[in-house]
Amino acid sequence: MQDATPKIPRVWLENEFARRRQANPAYSLRAFARQLELPPGRLSEILSDKRNVTRKVAEKIAERLGFDPAMREEFLGCVRRGPTDLVSDEHRQLSLDAYQAISDWHHYAILSLTELDDFEYDVGWIARRLGISTVDARAAVERLLRLELAEERDGTLARTQAKLLAGHDVSSPALRKRHERVLRDAIEALGDAPSSARDVTSVVVATDPAKIPEAKAMIRRFRRKLCAFLESGAKKEVYNLNVQLVPVTKKG
């Protein structure tokens, strides 16, 4: 379970579903509904904010997920709350949102997707372009809006100037999870993307570890320069640029 449980039932379920999908990418909304003993259509309506979670449904969810007494009370308490009770929980929710946004790659991808020439502000379109579920797409968009990394402007979704930085208040496991996912995507691209649409190279060198700080600075400068070049002009697809510099030899 997440250590910081959101105080909105729908958001809590979104995060729980996302957590399960991270553990098993094949985990479906239908499987989640089966676990909760809810009709898939009803669960879909809850996640799309078309139906509220009633006390009776909340009790069933708590039972089906095996909550201990404290967690059960926490979850049932969030069902009883109204909008005016949620203000004090804003910081806690944003902390969880920040963790999810950093650890889940598709948040960054959606921000870049909004810059495409043919972008459509539709969760179905976003899901298809990124190869994710509509539930994940909707949850990510709502999270980006809460974090003010994106905003609804002139009937569409647009990224803001706000930045989500990995500072002292962001857990390093979130960054590690994101890096692991990005590397897995690069491996998948070897089989899915034609060689004309990708570039994957590597080189092994012997060096002095004292040079690594300057090497990292050089990588940052290169990354910024290349991104500036790639982001100029027409924008038709979203790409991921990965640069890894890691030791091969072991200590001792």
Protein backbone atom coordinates (compact mmCIF):
# COMPACT_ATOMS: atom_id res chain seq x y z
CA MET A 1 0.00 0.00 0.00
CA GLN A 2 1.00 3.62 -0.46
CA ASP A 3 2.35 5.21 2.70
CA ALA A 4 0.43 8.40 2.01
CA THR A 5 -3.21 7.56 1.33
CA PRO A 6 -5.13 10.27 -0.54
CA LYS A 7 -8.33 11.55 0.96
CA ILE A 8 -10.44 11.21 -2.20
CA PRO A 9 -11.73 7.65 -2.80
CA ARG A 10 -11.47 7.92 -6.58
CA VAL A 11 -7.88 9.15 -6.46
CA TRP A 12 -7.01 6.45 -3.93
CA LEU A 13 -8.36 3.76 -6.27
CA GLU A 14 -6.51 5.29 -9.23
CA ASN A 15 -3.25 5.12 -7.31
CA GLU A 16 -3.91 1.56 -6.11
CA PHE A 17 -4.66 0.44 -9.66
CA ALA A 18 -1.51 2.17 -10.91
CA ARG A 19 0.53 0.46 -8.19
CA ARG A 20 -0.75 -2.94 -9.25
CA ARG A 21 -0.05 -2.22 -12.91
CA GLN A 22 3.51 -1.24 -12.03
CA ALA A 23 3.96 -4.64 -10.41
CA ASN A 24 2.21 -6.39 -13.30
CA PRO A 25 1.82 -4.39 -16.56
CA ALA A 26 -0.73 -6.95 -17.78
CA TYR A 27 -3.03 -6.24 -14.82
CA SER A 28 -6.32 -4.98 -16.25
CA LEU A 29 -9.19 -2.86 -15.01
CA ARG A 30 -11.40 -5.93 -15.29
CA ALA A 31 -9.03 -7.85 -12.99
CA PHE A 32 -9.11 -4.97 -10.51
CA ALA A 33 -12.92 -4.94 -10.61
CA ARG A 34 -12.96 -8.70 -10.06
CA GLN A 35 -10.68 -8.30 -7.03
CA LEU A 36 -13.03 -5.66 -5.62
CA GLU A 37 -16.16 -7.68 -6.55
CA LEU A 38 -17.52 -4.71 -8.47
CA PRO A 39 -19.00 -4.67 -11.98
CA PRO A 40 -16.30 -3.36 -14.37
CA GLY A 41 -18.67 -0.66 -15.61
CA ARG A 42 -19.27 0.66 -12.11
CA LEU A 43 -15.55 0.75 -11.31
CA SER A 44 -14.92 2.56 -14.59
CA GLU A 45 -17.57 5.15 -13.67
CA ILE A 46 -15.95 5.66 -10.25
CA LEU A 47 -12.52 6.16 -11.80
CA SER A 48 -13.90 8.57 -14.41
CA ASP A 49 -15.63 10.60 -11.64
CA LYS A 50 -19.11 9.73 -12.89
CA ARG A 51 -20.12 7.83 -9.74
CA ASN A 52 -19.31 8.37 -6.07
CA VAL A 53 -18.02 5.68 -3.73
CA THR A 54 -20.78 4.91 -1.24
CA ARG A 55 -20.20 3.72 2.31
CA LYS A 56 -21.38 0.22 1.37
CA VAL A 57 -19.02 0.02 -1.62
CA ALA A 58 -16.16 1.40 0.47
CA GLU A 59 -16.69 -1.31 3.09
CA LYS A 60 -16.59 -3.98 0.38
CA ILE A 61 -13.38 -2.50 -1.07
CA ALA A 62 -11.76 -2.45 2.36
CA GLU A 63 -12.73 -6.08 2.94
CA ARG A 64 -11.63 -7.30 -0.50
CA LEU A 65 -8.24 -5.62 -0.21
CA GLY A 66 -7.67 -7.00 3.29
CA PHE A 67 -7.20 -3.70 5.11
CA ASP A 68 -6.11 -3.81 8.71
CA PRO A 69 -8.36 -1.88 11.15
CA ALA A 70 -6.32 1.34 10.91
CA MET A 71 -6.23 1.33 7.10
CA ARG A 72 -9.92 0.46 6.95
CA GLU A 73 -10.81 3.42 9.14
CA GLU A 74 -8.56 5.66 7.06
CA PHE A 75 -10.27 4.64 3.83
CA LEU A 76 -13.83 4.79 5.20
CA GLY A 77 -13.00 8.19 6.67
CA CYS A 78 -12.15 9.55 3.25
CA VAL A 79 -15.59 8.47 2.01
CA ARG A 80 -17.28 10.48 4.77
CA ARG A 81 -15.42 13.69 3.98
CA GLY A 82 -16.80 16.49 1.88
CA PRO A 83 -14.93 18.99 -0.32
CA THR A 84 -14.43 21.48 2.53
CA ASP A 85 -12.60 18.84 4.56
CA LEU A 86 -9.97 18.27 1.91
CA VAL A 87 -8.02 21.54 2.15
CA SER A 88 -5.78 20.39 5.00
CA ASP A 89 -4.81 17.30 3.01
CA GLU A 90 -3.67 19.22 -0.08
CA HIS A 91 0.04 19.09 0.71
CA ARG A 92 -0.08 15.37 1.49
CA GLN A 93 -1.89 14.64 -1.77
CA LEU A 94 0.56 16.73 -3.78
CA SER A 95 3.47 14.87 -2.20
CA LEU A 96 1.99 11.58 -3.39
CA ASP A 97 1.22 13.13 -6.77
CA ALA A 98 4.82 14.31 -7.08
CA TYR A 99 6.09 10.82 -6.30
CA GLN A 100 3.79 9.26 -8.88
CA ALA A 101 4.63 11.88 -11.52
CA ILE A 102 8.36 11.33 -11.10
CA SER A 103 8.21 7.53 -10.98
CA ASP A 104 5.70 7.01 -13.82
CA TRP A 105 7.21 7.86 -17.21
CA HIS A 106 3.94 8.70 -18.94
CA HIS A 107 3.51 11.95 -16.99
CA TYR A 108 6.55 13.40 -18.73
CA ALA A 109 5.40 11.89 -22.03
CA ILE A 110 1.97 13.53 -21.75
CA LEU A 111 3.57 16.93 -21.17
CA SER A 112 5.58 16.50 -24.37
CA LEU A 113 2.55 15.06 -26.16
CA THR A 114 0.68 18.34 -25.60
CA GLU A 115 3.24 20.04 -27.85
CA LEU A 116 2.57 17.84 -30.87
CA ASP A 117 1.04 19.56 -33.88
CA ASP A 118 -1.89 17.12 -33.93
CA PHE A 119 -2.45 16.82 -30.15
CA GLU A 120 -5.99 15.96 -29.08
CA TYR A 121 -7.14 16.64 -25.53
CA ASP A 122 -8.86 13.29 -25.17
CA VAL A 123 -7.75 10.58 -22.74
CA GLY A 124 -8.54 7.90 -25.31
CA TRP A 125 -6.26 9.56 -27.87
CA ILE A 126 -3.52 10.07 -25.26
CA ALA A 127 -3.79 6.43 -24.19
CA ARG A 128 -3.53 5.16 -27.77
CA ARG A 129 -0.52 7.33 -28.62
CA LEU A 130 1.39 6.22 -25.52
CA GLY A 131 0.20 2.62 -25.38
CA ILE A 132 -1.30 2.95 -21.90
CA SER A 133 -4.80 2.41 -20.50
CA THR A 134 -7.39 5.19 -20.46
CA VAL A 135 -7.48 4.87 -16.67
CA ASP A 136 -3.74 5.56 -16.46
CA ALA A 137 -4.06 8.41 -18.96
CA ARG A 138 -6.93 10.06 -17.08
CA ALA A 139 -5.21 9.69 -13.70
CA ALA A 140 -1.97 11.14 -15.08
CA VAL A 141 -3.72 14.15 -16.65
CA GLU A 142 -5.57 14.91 -13.43
CA ARG A 143 -2.33 14.57 -11.46
CA LEU A 144 -0.51 16.97 -13.81
CA LEU A 145 -3.33 19.48 -13.36
CA ARG A 146 -3.17 19.22 -9.57
CA LEU A 147 0.59 19.73 -9.65
CA GLU A 148 0.06 22.70 -12.00
CA LEU A 149 2.47 21.17 -14.49
CA ALA A 150 -0.35 21.37 -17.03
CA GLU A 151 -3.42 23.53 -17.40
CA GLU A 152 -6.60 23.61 -19.45
CA ARG A 153 -6.26 26.49 -21.88
CA ASP A 154 -8.53 27.40 -24.81
CA GLY A 155 -10.23 24.03 -24.71
CA THR A 156 -7.06 21.96 -24.73
CA LEU A 157 -4.34 20.74 -22.39
CA ALA A 158 -1.11 22.74 -22.29
CA ARG A 159 2.04 22.41 -20.22
CA THR A 160 2.92 25.26 -17.88
CA GLN A 161 6.29 26.74 -17.03
CA ALA A 162 6.27 24.90 -13.70
CA LYS A 163 8.97 22.28 -13.20
CA LEU A 164 8.84 19.09 -11.16
CA LEU A 165 12.35 18.79 -9.76
CA ALA A 166 13.79 15.94 -7.73
CA GLY A 167 14.79 17.91 -4.67
CA HIS A 168 15.20 16.97 -1.02
CA ASP A 169 11.46 16.37 -0.61
CA VAL A 170 11.23 13.73 -3.35
CA SER A 171 12.04 10.11 -2.59
CA SER A 172 14.98 8.70 -4.55
CA PRO A 173 13.12 5.39 -5.13
CA ALA A 174 10.75 7.39 -7.36
CA LEU A 175 13.64 8.43 -9.59
CA ARG A 176 15.01 4.91 -9.63
CA LYS A 177 11.65 3.52 -10.72
CA ARG A 178 11.48 6.03 -13.55
CA HIS A 179 15.02 5.26 -14.72
CA GLU A 180 14.27 1.53 -14.67
CA ARG A 181 11.14 2.04 -16.77
CA VAL A 182 12.95 4.27 -19.26
CA LEU A 183 15.65 1.63 -19.71
CA ARG A 184 13.00 -1.07 -20.25
CA ASP A 185 11.36 1.12 -22.90
CA ALA A 186 14.71 1.52 -24.66
CA ILE A 187 15.08 -2.27 -24.74
CA GLU A 188 11.57 -2.66 -26.18
CA ALA A 189 12.35 -0.03 -28.83
CA LEU A 190 15.15 -2.27 -30.13
CA GLY A 191 12.49 -4.68 -31.32
CA ASP A 192 9.57 -2.34 -31.97
CA ALA A 193 11.08 0.74 -33.62
CA PRO A 194 12.88 0.56 -37.00
CA SER A 195 16.56 1.45 -36.96
CA SER A 196 15.79 4.57 -39.00
CA ALA A 197 13.68 5.90 -36.11
CA ARG A 198 16.11 5.27 -33.26
CA ASP A 199 19.76 5.43 -32.32
CA VAL A 200 21.23 3.13 -29.69
CA THR A 201 25.01 3.14 -29.27
CA SER A 202 27.49 2.35 -26.52
CA VAL A 203 31.22 2.51 -25.88
CA VAL A 204 33.43 1.17 -23.09
CA VAL A 205 36.35 3.32 -21.92
CA ALA A 206 39.02 3.21 -19.23
CA THR A 207 39.15 6.46 -17.24
CA ASP A 208 39.97 8.19 -13.98
CA PRO A 209 36.90 8.49 -11.70
CA ALA A 210 38.06 12.03 -10.89
CA LYS A 211 36.86 13.01 -14.38
CA ILE A 212 33.29 11.84 -13.81
CA PRO A 213 31.94 15.15 -12.38
CA GLU A 214 33.14 17.04 -15.46
CA ALA A 215 31.89 14.25 -17.70
CA LYS A 216 28.42 14.59 -16.14
CA ALA A 217 28.52 18.33 -16.74
CA MET A 218 29.44 17.71 -20.38
CA ILE A 219 26.54 15.29 -20.72
CA ARG A 220 24.13 17.90 -19.33
CA ARG A 221 25.37 20.50 -21.82
CA PHE A 222 25.07 18.03 -24.69
CA ARG A 223 21.58 16.99 -23.60
CA ARG A 224 20.34 20.58 -23.45
CA LYS A 225 21.84 21.45 -26.83
CA LEU A 226 20.38 18.37 -28.51
CA CYS A 227 16.95 18.94 -26.94
CA ALA A 228 16.94 22.55 -28.15
CA PHE A 229 17.64 21.27 -31.67
CA LEU A 230 15.01 18.53 -31.54
CA GLU A 231 12.30 20.80 -30.10
CA SER A 232 12.63 23.42 -32.85
CA GLY A 233 10.27 23.33 -35.83
CA ALA A 234 7.47 20.82 -36.41
CA LYS A 235 6.59 18.34 -33.67
CA LYS A 236 5.06 15.05 -34.78
CA GLU A 237 6.26 12.38 -32.34
CA VAL A 238 7.56 12.10 -28.76
CA TYR A 239 11.03 10.67 -28.21
CA ASN A 240 12.99 9.70 -25.11
CA LEU A 241 16.68 10.63 -24.88
CA ASN A 242 18.62 8.42 -22.47
CA VAL A 243 22.27 8.90 -21.57
CA GLN A 244 23.96 6.49 -19.17
CA LEU A 245 27.50 6.65 -17.82
CA VAL A 246 28.03 3.79 -15.38
CA PRO A 247 31.05 1.92 -13.99
CA VAL A 248 31.74 -1.57 -15.32
CA THR A 249 34.52 -2.56 -12.93
CA LYS A 250 33.80 -3.44 -9.31
CA LYS A 251 35.54 -2.18 -6.20
CA GLY A 252 38.02 -4.51 -4.55
